[in-house]
């Protein structure tokens, strides 16, 4: 068992590494494609559900953001012709977002580049290091509240 300082230091190291990679990828996406990492994340979620698209609520759940935030991020993508917003055929109150053909083409280019950037971020780690890192991260408790209530 470790004391609280060790867990906090580990948390800060994990957060710092994650933030540094995220900021680097965001800067590269903006420079190369004129798209933020938030917009890339939206397009990625929609690409995984192409061609049927995603209901607004489901897109928000997958991105772990509010529907208001989803609306803010999708608005420029709609304006630029990368995402389509349409009314659900099953429920007129429901909104469905999907990639346009231009959005699919752009996302394919971005995804290929993103893969290279992530590879570059982890290139100092061996295959064994990566496997260990993944195994360690898989051991983290996903919902601290549940653990604390049961303790």
C-alpha atoms as a PDB file:
ATOM      1  CA  UNK A   1       0.000   0.000   0.000  1.00  0.00           C
ATOM      2  CA  UNK A   2       1.268   3.465  -0.826  1.00  0.00           C
ATOM      3  CA  UNK A   3       0.589   6.726   0.917  1.00  0.00           C
ATOM      4  CA  UNK A   4      -1.520   9.467  -0.627  1.00  0.00           C
ATOM      5  CA  UNK A   5       1.490  11.368  -1.900  1.00  0.00           C
ATOM      6  CA  UNK A   6       2.570   8.524  -4.168  1.00  0.00           C
ATOM      7  CA  UNK A   7      -0.888   8.234  -5.709  1.00  0.00           C
ATOM      8  CA  UNK A   8      -1.108  11.998  -6.185  1.00  0.00           C
ATOM      9  CA  UNK A   9       2.321  12.073  -7.830  1.00  0.00           C
ATOM     10  CA  UNK A  10       1.314   9.228 -10.136  1.00  0.00           C
ATOM     11  CA  UNK A  11      -1.938  11.026 -10.954  1.00  0.00           C
ATOM     12  CA  UNK A  12      -0.091  14.265 -11.729  1.00  0.00           C
ATOM     13  CA  UNK A  13       2.422  12.433 -13.934  1.00  0.00           C
ATOM     14  CA  UNK A  14      -0.394  10.710 -15.831  1.00  0.00           C
ATOM     15  CA  UNK A  15      -2.334  13.951 -16.197  1.00  0.00           C
ATOM     16  CA  UNK A  16       0.750  15.886 -17.299  1.00  0.00           C
ATOM     17  CA  UNK A  17       1.698  13.314 -19.934  1.00  0.00           C
ATOM     18  CA  UNK A  18      -1.863  13.115 -21.227  1.00  0.00           C
ATOM     19  CA  UNK A  19      -2.253  16.900 -21.364  1.00  0.00           C
ATOM     20  CA  UNK A  20       1.071  17.366 -23.147  1.00  0.00           C
ATOM     21  CA  UNK A  21       0.131  14.835 -25.830  1.00  0.00           C
ATOM     22  CA  UNK A  22      -3.368  16.286 -26.163  1.00  0.00           C
ATOM     23  CA  UNK A  23      -2.047  19.855 -26.531  1.00  0.00           C
ATOM     24  CA  UNK A  24       0.498  18.760 -29.110  1.00  0.00           C
ATOM     25  CA  UNK A  25      -2.082  16.867 -31.160  1.00  0.00           C
ATOM     26  CA  UNK A  26      -4.549  19.754 -30.881  1.00  0.00           C
ATOM     27  CA  UNK A  27      -1.933  22.230 -32.128  1.00  0.00           C
ATOM     28  CA  UNK A  28      -1.024  19.960 -35.031  1.00  0.00           C
ATOM     29  CA  UNK A  29      -4.680  19.395 -35.985  1.00  0.00           C
ATOM     30  CA  UNK A  30      -5.308  23.147 -35.937  1.00  0.00           C
ATOM     31  CA  UNK A  31      -2.198  23.897 -37.981  1.00  0.00           C
ATOM     32  CA  UNK A  32      -2.595  21.164 -40.561  1.00  0.00           C
ATOM     33  CA  UNK A  33      -6.390  20.884 -40.853  1.00  0.00           C
ATOM     34  CA  UNK A  34      -7.869  23.944 -39.132  1.00  0.00           C
ATOM     35  CA  UNK A  35      -9.800  21.650 -36.764  1.00  0.00           C
ATOM     36  CA  UNK A  36      -9.557  21.468 -32.969  1.00  0.00           C
ATOM     37  CA  UNK A  37      -9.140  18.193 -31.121  1.00  0.00           C
ATOM     38  CA  UNK A  38     -12.723  18.566 -29.845  1.00  0.00           C
ATOM     39  CA  UNK A  39     -14.005  18.680 -33.412  1.00  0.00           C
ATOM     40  CA  UNK A  40     -11.751  15.755 -34.315  1.00  0.00           C
ATOM     41  CA  UNK A  41     -13.314  13.790 -31.443  1.00  0.00           C
ATOM     42  CA  UNK A  42     -16.820  14.550 -32.743  1.00  0.00           C
ATOM     43  CA  UNK A  43     -15.866  13.466 -36.238  1.00  0.00           C
ATOM     44  CA  UNK A  44     -14.244  10.322 -34.867  1.00  0.00           C
ATOM     45  CA  UNK A  45     -17.416   9.339 -32.998  1.00  0.00           C
ATOM     46  CA  UNK A  46     -19.521  10.004 -36.086  1.00  0.00           C
ATOM     47  CA  UNK A  47     -17.109   8.063 -38.285  1.00  0.00           C
ATOM     48  CA  UNK A  48     -17.532   5.010 -36.029  1.00  0.00           C
ATOM     49  CA  UNK A  49     -21.295   5.215 -36.580  1.00  0.00           C
ATOM     50  CA  UNK A  50     -21.273   6.031 -40.272  1.00  0.00           C
ATOM     51  CA  UNK A  51     -23.588   6.112 -42.210  1.00  0.00           C
ATOM     52  CA  UNK A  52     -26.483   6.065 -39.739  1.00  0.00           C
ATOM     53  CA  UNK A  53     -25.017   8.826 -37.565  1.00  0.00           C
ATOM     54  CA  UNK A  54     -25.649   9.445 -33.883  1.00  0.00           C
ATOM     55  CA  UNK A  55     -28.458  11.017 -31.931  1.00  0.00           C
ATOM     56  CA  UNK A  56     -27.362  14.206 -30.186  1.00  0.00           C
ATOM     57  CA  UNK A  57     -27.713  12.655 -26.729  1.00  0.00           C
ATOM     58  CA  UNK A  58     -25.691   9.583 -27.651  1.00  0.00           C
ATOM     59  CA  UNK A  59     -22.962  11.731 -29.198  1.00  0.00           C
ATOM     60  CA  UNK A  60     -22.790  13.743 -25.956  1.00  0.00           C
ATOM     61  CA  UNK A  61     -22.589  10.551 -23.880  1.00  0.00           C
ATOM     62  CA  UNK A  62     -19.793   9.140 -26.020  1.00  0.00           C
ATOM     63  CA  UNK A  63     -17.843  12.389 -25.790  1.00  0.00           C
ATOM     64  CA  UNK A  64     -18.656  12.702 -22.063  1.00  0.00           C
ATOM     65  CA  UNK A  65     -19.827  16.300 -22.486  1.00  0.00           C
ATOM     66  CA  UNK A  66     -23.122  18.138 -22.187  1.00  0.00           C
ATOM     67  CA  UNK A  67     -25.493  18.419 -25.127  1.00  0.00           C
ATOM     68  CA  UNK A  68     -24.855  22.166 -25.083  1.00  0.00           C
ATOM     69  CA  UNK A  69     -21.149  21.548 -25.522  1.00  0.00           C
ATOM     70  CA  UNK A  70     -21.887  19.123 -28.357  1.00  0.00           C
ATOM     71  CA  UNK A  71     -23.984  21.785 -30.071  1.00  0.00           C
ATOM     72  CA  UNK A  72     -21.148  24.326 -29.756  1.00  0.00           C
ATOM     73  CA  UNK A  73     -18.598  21.934 -31.228  1.00  0.00           C
ATOM     74  CA  UNK A  74     -20.804  20.650 -34.047  1.00  0.00           C
ATOM     75  CA  UNK A  75     -22.010  24.083 -35.222  1.00  0.00           C
ATOM     76  CA  UNK A  76     -18.733  24.996 -37.008  1.00  0.00           C
ATOM     77  CA  UNK A  77     -18.503  21.481 -38.483  1.00  0.00           C
ATOM     78  CA  UNK A  78     -22.011  21.891 -39.898  1.00  0.00           C
ATOM     79  CA  UNK A  79     -21.205  25.384 -41.164  1.00  0.00           C
ATOM     80  CA  UNK A  80     -18.052  24.093 -42.890  1.00  0.00           C
ATOM     81  CA  UNK A  81     -19.935  21.216 -44.542  1.00  0.00           C
ATOM     82  CA  UNK A  82     -18.292  18.351 -42.625  1.00  0.00           C
ATOM     83  CA  UNK A  83     -21.271  17.318 -40.491  1.00  0.00           C
ATOM     84  CA  UNK A  84     -24.955  17.088 -41.280  1.00  0.00           C
ATOM     85  CA  UNK A  85     -27.681  17.711 -38.693  1.00  0.00           C
ATOM     86  CA  UNK A  86     -31.047  16.176 -39.468  1.00  0.00           C
ATOM     87  CA  UNK A  87     -34.287  15.342 -37.719  1.00  0.00           C
ATOM     88  CA  UNK A  88     -34.775  11.706 -36.760  1.00  0.00           C
ATOM     89  CA  UNK A  89     -37.255   9.846 -38.949  1.00  0.00           C
ATOM     90  CA  UNK A  90     -38.428   7.897 -35.872  1.00  0.00           C
ATOM     91  CA  UNK A  91     -38.832  10.859 -33.523  1.00  0.00           C
ATOM     92  CA  UNK A  92     -39.300  14.383 -34.865  1.00  0.00           C
ATOM     93  CA  UNK A  93     -37.868  15.787 -31.625  1.00  0.00           C
ATOM     94  CA  UNK A  94     -34.626  13.862 -32.075  1.00  0.00           C
ATOM     95  CA  UNK A  95     -31.578  15.241 -33.832  1.00  0.00           C
ATOM     96  CA  UNK A  96     -29.076  13.032 -35.636  1.00  0.00           C
ATOM     97  CA  UNK A  97     -25.576  14.074 -36.595  1.00  0.00           C
ATOM     98  CA  UNK A  98     -23.578  12.359 -39.334  1.00  0.00           C
ATOM     99  CA  UNK A  99     -20.531  13.052 -41.457  1.00  0.00           C
ATOM    100  CA  UNK A 100     -20.969  14.408 -44.959  1.00  0.00           C
ATOM    101  CA  UNK A 101     -18.874  12.907 -47.758  1.00  0.00           C
ATOM    102  CA  UNK A 102     -16.520  15.889 -47.401  1.00  0.00           C
ATOM    103  CA  UNK A 103     -16.375  15.234 -43.647  1.00  0.00           C
ATOM    104  CA  UNK A 104     -15.550  11.561 -44.208  1.00  0.00           C
ATOM    105  CA  UNK A 105     -12.718  12.490 -46.576  1.00  0.00           C
ATOM    106  CA  UNK A 106     -11.297  15.068 -44.174  1.00  0.00           C
ATOM    107  CA  UNK A 107     -11.593  12.718 -41.222  1.00  0.00           C
ATOM    108  CA  UNK A 108      -9.778   9.936 -43.098  1.00  0.00           C
ATOM    109  CA  UNK A 109      -6.858  12.300 -43.701  1.00  0.00           C
ATOM    110  CA  UNK A 110      -6.891  13.544 -40.108  1.00  0.00           C
ATOM    111  CA  UNK A 111      -7.138  10.024 -38.659  1.00  0.00           C
ATOM    112  CA  UNK A 112      -4.117   8.838 -40.622  1.00  0.00           C
ATOM    113  CA  UNK A 113      -2.084  11.821 -39.444  1.00  0.00           C
ATOM    114  CA  UNK A 114      -3.391  11.485 -35.869  1.00  0.00           C
ATOM    115  CA  UNK A 115      -2.211   7.869 -35.798  1.00  0.00           C
ATOM    116  CA  UNK A 116       1.287   8.993 -36.763  1.00  0.00           C
ATOM    117  CA  UNK A 117       1.334  11.750 -34.118  1.00  0.00           C
ATOM    118  CA  UNK A 118       0.267   9.326 -31.390  1.00  0.00           C
ATOM    119  CA  UNK A 119       2.872   6.828 -32.559  1.00  0.00           C
ATOM    120  CA  UNK A 120       5.505   9.576 -32.380  1.00  0.00           C
ATOM    121  CA  UNK A 121       4.406  10.496 -28.834  1.00  0.00           C
ATOM    122  CA  UNK A 122       4.983   6.919 -27.663  1.00  0.00           C
ATOM    123  CA  UNK A 123       7.982   6.029 -29.815  1.00  0.00           C
ATOM    124  CA  UNK A 124      10.410   6.046 -26.864  1.00  0.00           C
ATOM    125  CA  UNK A 125       8.509   3.150 -25.278  1.00  0.00           C
ATOM    126  CA  UNK A 126       9.232  -0.431 -26.275  1.00  0.00           C
ATOM    127  CA  UNK A 127       6.458  -2.895 -27.093  1.00  0.00           C
ATOM    128  CA  UNK A 128       6.941  -4.343 -23.614  1.00  0.00           C
ATOM    129  CA  UNK A 129       6.715  -0.872 -22.029  1.00  0.00           C
ATOM    130  CA  UNK A 130       3.482  -0.184 -23.913  1.00  0.00           C
ATOM    131  CA  UNK A 131       1.988  -3.499 -22.812  1.00  0.00           C
ATOM    132  CA  UNK A 132       2.942  -2.758 -19.200  1.00  0.00           C
ATOM    133  CA  UNK A 133       1.515   0.758 -19.400  1.00  0.00           C
ATOM    134  CA  UNK A 134      -1.772  -0.528 -20.783  1.00  0.00           C
ATOM    135  CA  UNK A 135      -1.976  -3.262 -18.146  1.00  0.00           C
ATOM    136  CA  UNK A 136      -1.333  -0.767 -15.355  1.00  0.00           C
ATOM    137  CA  UNK A 137      -3.892   1.712 -16.672  1.00  0.00           C
ATOM    138  CA  UNK A 138      -6.453  -1.094 -17.017  1.00  0.00           C
ATOM    139  CA  UNK A 139      -6.094  -1.703 -13.263  1.00  0.00           C
ATOM    140  CA  UNK A 140      -7.201   1.810 -12.316  1.00  0.00           C
ATOM    141  CA  UNK A 141     -10.610   2.103 -10.699  1.00  0.00           C
ATOM    142  CA  UNK A 142     -12.922   3.717 -13.262  1.00  0.00           C
ATOM    143  CA  UNK A 143     -15.420   5.065 -10.736  1.00  0.00           C
ATOM    144  CA  UNK A 144     -13.862   6.285  -7.520  1.00  0.00           C
ATOM    145  CA  UNK A 145     -17.261   7.095  -6.015  1.00  0.00           C
ATOM    146  CA  UNK A 146     -18.332   3.441  -6.143  1.00  0.00           C
ATOM    147  CA  UNK A 147     -15.111   2.308  -4.491  1.00  0.00           C
ATOM    148  CA  UNK A 148     -15.310   4.912  -1.716  1.00  0.00           C
ATOM    149  CA  UNK A 149     -18.963   4.096  -0.903  1.00  0.00           C
ATOM    150  CA  UNK A 150     -18.252   0.391  -0.598  1.00  0.00           C
ATOM    151  CA  UNK A 151     -15.135   0.867   1.565  1.00  0.00           C
END
